[in-house]
Amino acid sequence: MLGAIAGDIIGSVYEWNNIKTTDFPLFSDRSHFTDDTVMTVAVAECLISGKDYFLTFKEIGQKYPDAGYGDAFRQWLFSRQTEPNNSFGNGAAMRISPIGFFFNDLDSVLSKAVKCTNITHDHPEARKGAQAVAAAIFLARTGKTKAEIKDYVEKSFGYDLSRRLDDIRPNYKFDASCQGSVPEAIIAFLESTDYEDTVRKAVSLGGDSDTIACITGGIAEAFYKGVPNDIITKTRALLTPDLLDVVDKFYEHIK
């Protein structure tokens, strides 16, 4: 979960100022958490407390009105709307990492990912993106190899993960859909050598940098068995006390 949050914060500086290189400062005075972190924490809160997704998303999301929500989600969040938006936005995948860490069998991960996603994003592509990321995290933390993770995701969800970052990067542009960002995030993980390298590769693609780095950061944390201490320290320092409280409770719960 902190791997996803750190990815969000690291990528936040570059979401609207894309770079096409892995050579950049991980943190700066402009680094900040976004809606990716807020909603990831909301999912974690639901898992550890048993609270309702709908109510918790509204409650926690509304505490951070300037976090950077997409237009459709913002409308849902700050209205009395109860129905999902048939959205295939990558918000479904950016918040899903806690589910991949929380449950201890793949069937539960897949079914709970759908339950969480359907609250706001009930398009098939959103469910597919959320399931793919949650499953990749589960497989990574349970000892599967990158080849096994790639094979499972390709066969189960139909994503083409055989493309290379060097081929994607030159023409890749902002794409807030699951189908236009989840495969790229997973490819960044597949080509990585450690957690930091994963996030650097994700940000280097450009596009929706914070969300791509958030998605891939969660997978990298699971596969590489944690996040470097210096990144954890800087990430924690940028979270509010209430967000940090949920993060700490989540890690205590999954020990």
Protein backbone atom coordinates (compact mmCIF):
# COMPACT_ATOMS: atom_id res chain seq x y z
CA MET A 1 0.00 0.00 0.00
CA LEU A 2 2.81 2.44 0.81
CA GLY A 3 4.37 1.42 -2.48
CA ALA A 4 1.28 2.69 -4.27
CA ILE A 5 1.11 5.87 -2.19
CA ALA A 6 4.79 6.62 -2.72
CA GLY A 7 4.32 6.13 -6.46
CA ASP A 8 1.45 8.59 -6.42
CA ILE A 9 3.48 11.22 -4.55
CA ILE A 10 6.58 10.75 -6.73
CA GLY A 11 4.51 10.95 -9.90
CA SER A 12 2.44 13.92 -8.74
CA VAL A 13 4.98 16.49 -9.89
CA TYR A 14 5.00 15.09 -13.42
CA GLU A 15 1.31 14.46 -14.13
CA TRP A 16 0.94 17.76 -15.97
CA ASN A 17 4.66 18.18 -16.65
CA ASN A 18 5.52 14.91 -18.29
CA ILE A 19 9.12 13.80 -18.60
CA LYS A 20 10.41 11.01 -20.78
CA THR A 21 13.39 9.94 -18.72
CA THR A 22 14.12 7.96 -15.56
CA ASP A 23 16.58 10.64 -14.41
CA PHE A 24 14.61 12.95 -12.14
CA PRO A 25 14.37 13.84 -8.41
CA LEU A 26 12.08 11.43 -6.60
CA PHE A 27 10.86 14.14 -4.22
CA SER A 28 10.76 17.92 -4.29
CA ASP A 29 8.96 20.73 -2.53
CA ARG A 30 6.14 20.24 -5.06
CA SER A 31 5.59 16.57 -4.23
CA HIS A 32 2.16 15.83 -2.77
CA PHE A 33 -0.40 13.08 -2.45
CA THR A 34 -3.37 13.12 -4.79
CA ASP A 35 -6.79 11.48 -5.09
CA ASP A 36 -4.95 8.22 -5.79
CA THR A 37 -3.69 8.16 -2.20
CA VAL A 38 -6.95 9.40 -0.69
CA MET A 39 -9.00 6.66 -2.32
CA THR A 40 -6.38 3.99 -1.66
CA VAL A 41 -6.64 4.86 2.02
CA ALA A 42 -10.43 4.77 1.76
CA VAL A 43 -10.28 1.20 0.43
CA ALA A 44 -7.91 0.21 3.23
CA GLU A 45 -10.25 1.73 5.82
CA CYS A 46 -13.12 -0.37 4.50
CA LEU A 47 -11.07 -3.55 4.67
CA ILE A 48 -9.80 -3.13 8.22
CA SER A 49 -13.02 -1.71 9.70
CA GLY A 50 -15.69 -3.46 7.68
CA LYS A 51 -17.24 -0.12 6.77
CA ASP A 52 -19.38 0.33 3.68
CA TYR A 53 -17.46 1.32 0.53
CA PHE A 54 -20.04 3.85 -0.62
CA LEU A 55 -20.19 5.74 2.67
CA THR A 56 -16.46 5.57 3.31
CA PHE A 57 -15.52 6.76 -0.17
CA LYS A 58 -17.79 9.76 0.31
CA GLU A 59 -16.62 10.45 3.86
CA ILE A 60 -12.87 10.27 3.26
CA GLY A 61 -12.96 11.69 -0.25
CA GLN A 62 -14.88 14.78 0.82
CA LYS A 63 -12.22 15.58 3.43
CA TYR A 64 -9.81 16.29 0.57
CA PRO A 65 -11.80 18.30 -1.99
CA ASP A 66 -8.68 19.51 -3.83
CA ALA A 67 -6.97 16.14 -4.20
CA GLY A 68 -7.35 16.13 -7.98
CA TYR A 69 -10.40 13.99 -8.70
CA GLY A 70 -11.55 13.46 -12.26
CA ASP A 71 -14.67 15.35 -13.26
CA ALA A 72 -17.06 12.38 -13.23
CA PHE A 73 -15.79 11.09 -9.91
CA ARG A 74 -15.89 14.54 -8.36
CA GLN A 75 -19.52 14.88 -9.40
CA TRP A 76 -20.31 11.51 -7.81
CA LEU A 77 -18.30 12.30 -4.67
CA PHE A 78 -19.88 15.67 -3.88
CA SER A 79 -23.46 14.85 -4.84
CA ARG A 80 -26.24 12.64 -3.58
CA GLN A 81 -25.64 10.28 -6.47
CA THR A 82 -25.68 6.65 -5.42
CA GLU A 83 -25.29 4.93 -8.77
CA PRO A 84 -21.91 4.29 -10.45
CA ASN A 85 -20.94 6.14 -13.61
CA ASN A 86 -20.25 3.24 -15.99
CA SER A 87 -16.72 4.61 -16.01
CA PHE A 88 -13.63 2.81 -17.28
CA GLY A 89 -11.32 5.38 -15.70
CA ASN A 90 -8.08 4.28 -14.11
CA GLY A 91 -9.37 5.41 -10.72
CA ALA A 92 -10.62 1.85 -10.43
CA ALA A 93 -7.06 0.52 -10.57
CA MET A 94 -5.19 3.24 -8.69
CA ARG A 95 -6.99 2.57 -5.40
CA ILE A 96 -7.11 -1.23 -5.51
CA SER A 97 -3.71 -2.18 -4.01
CA PRO A 98 -4.98 -2.82 -0.45
CA ILE A 99 -7.16 -5.66 -1.74
CA GLY A 100 -4.17 -7.42 -3.27
CA PHE A 101 -2.39 -7.30 0.08
CA PHE A 102 -5.36 -8.02 2.35
CA PHE A 103 -6.82 -11.29 1.11
CA ASN A 104 -5.00 -14.60 1.12
CA ASP A 105 -6.51 -16.40 -1.84
CA LEU A 106 -6.81 -15.31 -5.44
CA ASP A 107 -10.55 -15.91 -5.75
CA SER A 108 -11.21 -13.53 -2.87
CA VAL A 109 -8.88 -10.92 -4.36
CA LEU A 110 -10.70 -11.05 -7.67
CA SER A 111 -14.22 -10.98 -6.23
CA LYS A 112 -13.44 -8.22 -3.71
CA ALA A 113 -11.80 -6.14 -6.42
CA VAL A 114 -15.05 -6.23 -8.38
CA LYS A 115 -17.13 -5.35 -5.31
CA CYS A 116 -14.92 -2.35 -4.58
CA THR A 117 -14.85 -1.20 -8.18
CA ASN A 118 -18.57 -1.43 -8.86
CA ILE A 119 -19.31 1.30 -6.32
CA THR A 120 -18.15 3.95 -8.79
CA HIS A 121 -16.77 2.25 -11.94
CA ASP A 122 -19.07 -0.46 -13.26
CA HIS A 123 -17.71 -0.65 -16.80
CA PRO A 124 -16.17 -4.03 -17.75
CA GLU A 125 -12.82 -2.38 -18.54
CA ALA A 126 -12.71 -0.87 -15.05
CA ARG A 127 -13.42 -4.20 -13.41
CA LYS A 128 -10.78 -5.82 -15.59
CA GLY A 129 -8.18 -3.20 -14.73
CA ALA A 130 -8.84 -3.41 -11.00
CA GLN A 131 -8.75 -7.19 -11.01
CA ALA A 132 -5.54 -7.29 -13.04
CA VAL A 133 -3.70 -5.00 -10.63
CA ALA A 134 -5.03 -6.67 -7.49
CA ALA A 135 -4.18 -10.10 -8.89
CA ALA A 136 -0.68 -9.01 -9.90
CA ILE A 137 -0.08 -7.78 -6.35
CA PHE A 138 -1.37 -11.02 -4.84
CA LEU A 139 0.74 -13.15 -7.18
CA ALA A 140 3.80 -10.99 -6.55
CA ARG A 141 3.53 -11.18 -2.76
CA THR A 142 2.96 -14.95 -2.85
CA GLY A 143 6.19 -15.66 -4.68
CA LYS A 144 5.25 -15.87 -8.35
CA THR A 145 7.88 -14.88 -10.90
CA LYS A 146 7.49 -11.99 -13.29
CA ALA A 147 6.99 -14.50 -16.11
CA GLU A 148 4.18 -16.17 -14.18
CA ILE A 149 2.53 -12.84 -13.36
CA LYS A 150 2.77 -11.72 -16.98
CA ASP A 151 1.33 -15.01 -18.23
CA TYR A 152 -1.59 -14.92 -15.80
CA VAL A 153 -2.53 -11.31 -16.53
CA GLU A 154 -2.29 -11.75 -20.29
CA LYS A 155 -4.38 -14.93 -20.31
CA SER A 156 -6.94 -13.73 -17.78
CA PHE A 157 -7.43 -10.14 -18.91
CA GLY A 158 -6.21 -9.98 -22.48
CA TYR A 159 -3.61 -7.26 -22.00
CA ASP A 160 -0.59 -7.22 -24.29
CA LEU A 161 2.36 -7.12 -21.91
CA SER A 162 4.99 -8.05 -24.48
CA ARG A 163 5.52 -4.46 -25.62
CA ARG A 164 8.65 -2.63 -24.50
CA LEU A 165 8.77 0.65 -22.61
CA ASP A 166 11.25 2.07 -25.10
CA ASP A 167 8.67 1.49 -27.83
CA ILE A 168 5.73 2.83 -25.82
CA ARG A 169 7.38 5.93 -24.36
CA PRO A 170 7.94 8.15 -27.45
CA ASN A 171 4.27 8.37 -28.44
CA TYR A 172 2.55 7.71 -25.14
CA LYS A 173 0.19 10.50 -24.06
CA PHE A 174 -2.18 11.18 -21.18
CA ASP A 175 -4.76 8.40 -20.99
CA ALA A 176 -6.93 8.14 -17.88
CA SER A 177 -8.64 4.91 -18.94
CA CYS A 178 -7.85 1.55 -17.39
CA GLN A 179 -7.16 0.02 -20.78
CA GLY A 180 -4.78 2.86 -21.63
CA SER A 181 -2.75 2.86 -18.43
CA VAL A 182 -2.97 -0.43 -16.53
CA PRO A 183 -1.02 -2.48 -19.11
CA GLU A 184 1.66 0.21 -19.29
CA ALA A 185 1.97 0.27 -15.50
CA ILE A 186 2.38 -3.51 -15.38
CA ILE A 187 4.98 -3.42 -18.15
CA ALA A 188 6.97 -0.87 -16.14
CA PHE A 189 7.02 -3.35 -13.28
CA LEU A 190 7.99 -6.26 -15.53
CA GLU A 191 11.02 -4.36 -16.86
CA SER A 192 12.17 -3.13 -13.44
CA THR A 193 15.06 -4.20 -11.25
CA ASP A 194 13.86 -2.90 -7.85
CA TYR A 195 11.16 -0.69 -6.31
CA GLU A 196 12.77 2.65 -7.15
CA ASP A 197 13.55 1.56 -10.71
CA THR A 198 9.91 0.52 -11.13
CA VAL A 199 8.58 3.94 -10.20
CA ARG A 200 11.18 5.75 -12.27
CA LYS A 201 10.24 3.68 -15.31
CA ALA A 202 6.53 4.31 -14.73
CA VAL A 203 6.98 8.07 -14.48
CA SER A 204 9.23 8.10 -17.54
CA LEU A 205 6.35 6.98 -19.73
CA GLY A 206 4.60 10.32 -19.27
CA GLY A 207 0.84 10.40 -19.41
CA ASP A 208 -1.08 10.12 -16.14
CA SER A 209 2.20 9.84 -14.24
CA ASP A 210 0.96 9.74 -10.66
CA THR A 211 -1.62 7.06 -11.37
CA ILE A 212 0.68 4.88 -13.45
CA ALA A 213 3.34 5.11 -10.73
CA CYS A 214 0.73 4.41 -8.07
CA ILE A 215 -0.46 1.27 -9.85
CA THR A 216 2.99 -0.07 -10.56
CA GLY A 217 4.29 0.95 -7.13
CA GLY A 218 1.85 -1.34 -5.40
CA ILE A 219 2.93 -4.29 -7.52
CA ALA A 220 6.59 -3.48 -6.97
CA GLU A 221 6.17 -3.31 -3.19
CA ALA A 222 4.64 -6.78 -3.24
CA PHE A 223 7.27 -8.28 -5.54
CA TYR A 224 10.35 -6.66 -4.02
CA LYS A 225 9.07 -7.24 -0.47
CA GLY A 226 8.81 -3.65 0.61
CA VAL A 227 9.76 -0.07 -0.15
CA PRO A 228 13.18 1.47 0.58
CA ASN A 229 13.32 3.13 3.98
CA ASP A 230 14.28 6.56 2.66
CA ILE A 231 11.26 6.56 0.34
CA ILE A 232 8.98 5.42 3.17
CA THR A 233 10.24 8.22 5.42
CA LYS A 234 9.67 10.93 2.82
CA THR A 235 6.28 9.49 1.88
CA ARG A 236 5.03 9.34 5.45
CA ALA A 237 6.13 12.93 6.05
CA LEU A 238 3.77 14.10 3.29
CA LEU A 239 0.66 12.35 4.61
CA THR A 240 -1.85 13.91 6.98
CA PRO A 241 -2.26 12.31 10.42
CA ASP A 242 -5.64 10.74 9.58
CA LEU A 243 -4.36 9.16 6.38
CA LEU A 244 -1.25 7.94 8.14
CA ASP A 245 -3.34 6.43 10.92
CA VAL A 246 -5.20 4.23 8.44
CA VAL A 247 -1.96 3.23 6.75
CA ASP A 248 -0.44 2.13 10.05
CA LYS A 249 -3.56 0.22 11.07
CA PHE A 250 -3.61 -1.54 7.71
CA TYR A 251 -0.03 -2.77 8.02
CA GLU A 252 -0.67 -3.91 11.58
CA HIS A 253 -3.70 -5.83 10.36
CA ILE A 254 -1.91 -7.69 7.56
CA LYS A 255 1.18 -8.68 9.55
